[in-house]
């Protein structure tokens, strides 16, 4: 969302259903917070909702001919679902997506 707010077109890919669509409340220090997910958060951000394309999938299986100027990843290299891939395969997949 911060990149979209700065004018960039963003492709967001996450394998975690709850991250995209929302899920159970998140409990932090005994207090419950709504987990509304990325799509609902984008609905609330009128100025950027059309700048973010969202996919709920494994980024290693995301098939596109689209190339990206930059890739930001948070947690994906050590995420438990990616244990089936070697670190070399993960990094190579990122490199193939870059312009």
C-alpha atoms as a PDB file:
ATOM      1  CA  UNK A   1       0.000   0.000   0.000  1.00  0.00           C
ATOM      2  CA  UNK A   2       2.791   2.494   0.685  1.00  0.00           C
ATOM      3  CA  UNK A   3       4.192   1.978  -2.841  1.00  0.00           C
ATOM      4  CA  UNK A   4       0.746   2.506  -4.380  1.00  0.00           C
ATOM      5  CA  UNK A   5       0.330   5.687  -2.332  1.00  0.00           C
ATOM      6  CA  UNK A   6       3.557   6.923  -3.921  1.00  0.00           C
ATOM      7  CA  UNK A   7       2.117   6.335  -7.403  1.00  0.00           C
ATOM      8  CA  UNK A   8       3.473   2.905  -8.255  1.00  0.00           C
ATOM      9  CA  UNK A   9       1.388   0.185  -9.889  1.00  0.00           C
ATOM     10  CA  UNK A  10       1.531  -2.780  -7.488  1.00  0.00           C
ATOM     11  CA  UNK A  11       1.006  -6.517  -7.881  1.00  0.00           C
ATOM     12  CA  UNK A  12       0.431  -8.121  -4.476  1.00  0.00           C
ATOM     13  CA  UNK A  13       0.810 -11.896  -4.201  1.00  0.00           C
ATOM     14  CA  UNK A  14       0.179 -13.821  -1.004  1.00  0.00           C
ATOM     15  CA  UNK A  15      -0.512 -17.507  -0.472  1.00  0.00           C
ATOM     16  CA  UNK A  16      -2.170 -16.776   2.883  1.00  0.00           C
ATOM     17  CA  UNK A  17      -5.949 -16.610   2.332  1.00  0.00           C
ATOM     18  CA  UNK A  18      -6.494 -14.621   5.530  1.00  0.00           C
ATOM     19  CA  UNK A  19      -3.935 -12.003   4.491  1.00  0.00           C
ATOM     20  CA  UNK A  20      -5.944 -11.328   1.330  1.00  0.00           C
ATOM     21  CA  UNK A  21      -9.560 -11.889   2.412  1.00  0.00           C
ATOM     22  CA  UNK A  22      -9.402 -11.439   6.177  1.00  0.00           C
ATOM     23  CA  UNK A  23      -9.866 -14.002   8.881  1.00  0.00           C
ATOM     24  CA  UNK A  24     -10.213 -14.527  12.590  1.00  0.00           C
ATOM     25  CA  UNK A  25      -9.504 -11.657  14.925  1.00  0.00           C
ATOM     26  CA  UNK A  26      -5.863 -11.148  15.839  1.00  0.00           C
ATOM     27  CA  UNK A  27      -5.163 -11.061  19.578  1.00  0.00           C
ATOM     28  CA  UNK A  28      -2.367  -8.732  20.693  1.00  0.00           C
ATOM     29  CA  UNK A  29      -1.712  -8.241  24.404  1.00  0.00           C
ATOM     30  CA  UNK A  30      -5.134  -9.687  25.179  1.00  0.00           C
ATOM     31  CA  UNK A  31      -6.979  -7.280  22.885  1.00  0.00           C
ATOM     32  CA  UNK A  32      -8.827  -8.481  19.759  1.00  0.00           C
ATOM     33  CA  UNK A  33      -8.266  -6.681  16.459  1.00  0.00           C
ATOM     34  CA  UNK A  34     -10.248  -7.327  13.281  1.00  0.00           C
ATOM     35  CA  UNK A  35      -8.256  -9.031  10.535  1.00  0.00           C
ATOM     36  CA  UNK A  36      -9.959  -7.472   7.518  1.00  0.00           C
ATOM     37  CA  UNK A  37      -7.395  -8.519   4.901  1.00  0.00           C
ATOM     38  CA  UNK A  38      -5.780  -6.610   2.064  1.00  0.00           C
ATOM     39  CA  UNK A  39      -8.811  -6.436  -0.242  1.00  0.00           C
ATOM     40  CA  UNK A  40     -10.970  -4.763   2.416  1.00  0.00           C
ATOM     41  CA  UNK A  41      -8.117  -2.414   3.328  1.00  0.00           C
ATOM     42  CA  UNK A  42      -7.847  -1.409  -0.334  1.00  0.00           C
ATOM     43  CA  UNK A  43     -11.594  -0.727  -0.496  1.00  0.00           C
ATOM     44  CA  UNK A  44     -11.092   1.790   2.307  1.00  0.00           C
ATOM     45  CA  UNK A  45      -8.284   3.525   0.397  1.00  0.00           C
ATOM     46  CA  UNK A  46     -10.147   5.191  -2.471  1.00  0.00           C
ATOM     47  CA  UNK A  47      -7.038   6.855  -3.885  1.00  0.00           C
ATOM     48  CA  UNK A  48      -5.056   3.631  -4.413  1.00  0.00           C
ATOM     49  CA  UNK A  49      -7.535   0.772  -4.787  1.00  0.00           C
ATOM     50  CA  UNK A  50      -7.157   0.764  -8.602  1.00  0.00           C
ATOM     51  CA  UNK A  51      -3.342   0.746  -8.404  1.00  0.00           C
ATOM     52  CA  UNK A  52      -3.060  -2.630  -6.657  1.00  0.00           C
ATOM     53  CA  UNK A  53      -3.702  -5.970  -8.352  1.00  0.00           C
ATOM     54  CA  UNK A  54      -4.087  -8.770  -5.779  1.00  0.00           C
ATOM     55  CA  UNK A  55      -3.508 -12.510  -6.222  1.00  0.00           C
ATOM     56  CA  UNK A  56      -4.031 -15.245  -3.631  1.00  0.00           C
ATOM     57  CA  UNK A  57      -1.511 -17.842  -4.809  1.00  0.00           C
ATOM     58  CA  UNK A  58       1.979 -19.265  -4.463  1.00  0.00           C
ATOM     59  CA  UNK A  59       4.310 -16.703  -6.060  1.00  0.00           C
ATOM     60  CA  UNK A  60       6.465 -19.538  -7.404  1.00  0.00           C
ATOM     61  CA  UNK A  61       3.439 -20.731  -9.394  1.00  0.00           C
ATOM     62  CA  UNK A  62       2.270 -17.248 -10.430  1.00  0.00           C
ATOM     63  CA  UNK A  63       2.452 -17.271 -14.210  1.00  0.00           C
ATOM     64  CA  UNK A  64       2.833 -13.958 -15.926  1.00  0.00           C
ATOM     65  CA  UNK A  65       4.690 -12.427 -18.785  1.00  0.00           C
ATOM     66  CA  UNK A  66       4.630  -9.145 -16.863  1.00  0.00           C
ATOM     67  CA  UNK A  67       8.003  -7.823 -15.756  1.00  0.00           C
ATOM     68  CA  UNK A  68       8.534  -5.696 -12.668  1.00  0.00           C
ATOM     69  CA  UNK A  69      10.865  -2.772 -12.004  1.00  0.00           C
ATOM     70  CA  UNK A  70      11.299  -3.863  -8.406  1.00  0.00           C
ATOM     71  CA  UNK A  71      10.259  -6.697  -6.118  1.00  0.00           C
ATOM     72  CA  UNK A  72       9.667  -6.278  -2.399  1.00  0.00           C
ATOM     73  CA  UNK A  73       9.335  -9.417  -0.330  1.00  0.00           C
ATOM     74  CA  UNK A  74       8.537  -9.737   3.320  1.00  0.00           C
ATOM     75  CA  UNK A  75       8.849 -13.144   4.917  1.00  0.00           C
ATOM     76  CA  UNK A  76       8.523 -15.158   1.729  1.00  0.00           C
ATOM     77  CA  UNK A  77      12.062 -16.547   1.680  1.00  0.00           C
ATOM     78  CA  UNK A  78      11.606 -18.304   5.006  1.00  0.00           C
ATOM     79  CA  UNK A  79       7.837 -18.827   4.952  1.00  0.00           C
ATOM     80  CA  UNK A  80       6.903 -22.430   5.792  1.00  0.00           C
ATOM     81  CA  UNK A  81       5.075 -22.973   2.475  1.00  0.00           C
ATOM     82  CA  UNK A  82       8.308 -22.218   0.635  1.00  0.00           C
ATOM     83  CA  UNK A  83      10.313 -24.963   2.347  1.00  0.00           C
ATOM     84  CA  UNK A  84       9.659 -27.136  -0.707  1.00  0.00           C
ATOM     85  CA  UNK A  85      11.843 -24.760  -2.773  1.00  0.00           C
ATOM     86  CA  UNK A  86      15.567 -24.201  -2.564  1.00  0.00           C
ATOM     87  CA  UNK A  87      16.767 -20.700  -1.780  1.00  0.00           C
ATOM     88  CA  UNK A  88      18.403 -20.658  -5.208  1.00  0.00           C
ATOM     89  CA  UNK A  89      15.051 -21.390  -6.897  1.00  0.00           C
ATOM     90  CA  UNK A  90      13.324 -18.636  -4.919  1.00  0.00           C
ATOM     91  CA  UNK A  91      15.957 -16.037  -5.791  1.00  0.00           C
ATOM     92  CA  UNK A  92      16.051 -17.129  -9.442  1.00  0.00           C
ATOM     93  CA  UNK A  93      12.272 -16.773  -9.684  1.00  0.00           C
ATOM     94  CA  UNK A  94      12.524 -13.191  -8.410  1.00  0.00           C
ATOM     95  CA  UNK A  95      15.249 -12.435 -10.952  1.00  0.00           C
ATOM     96  CA  UNK A  96      13.162 -13.787 -13.843  1.00  0.00           C
ATOM     97  CA  UNK A  97      10.369 -11.360 -12.972  1.00  0.00           C
ATOM     98  CA  UNK A  98      12.586  -8.275 -13.083  1.00  0.00           C
ATOM     99  CA  UNK A  99      12.919  -6.065 -16.169  1.00  0.00           C
END
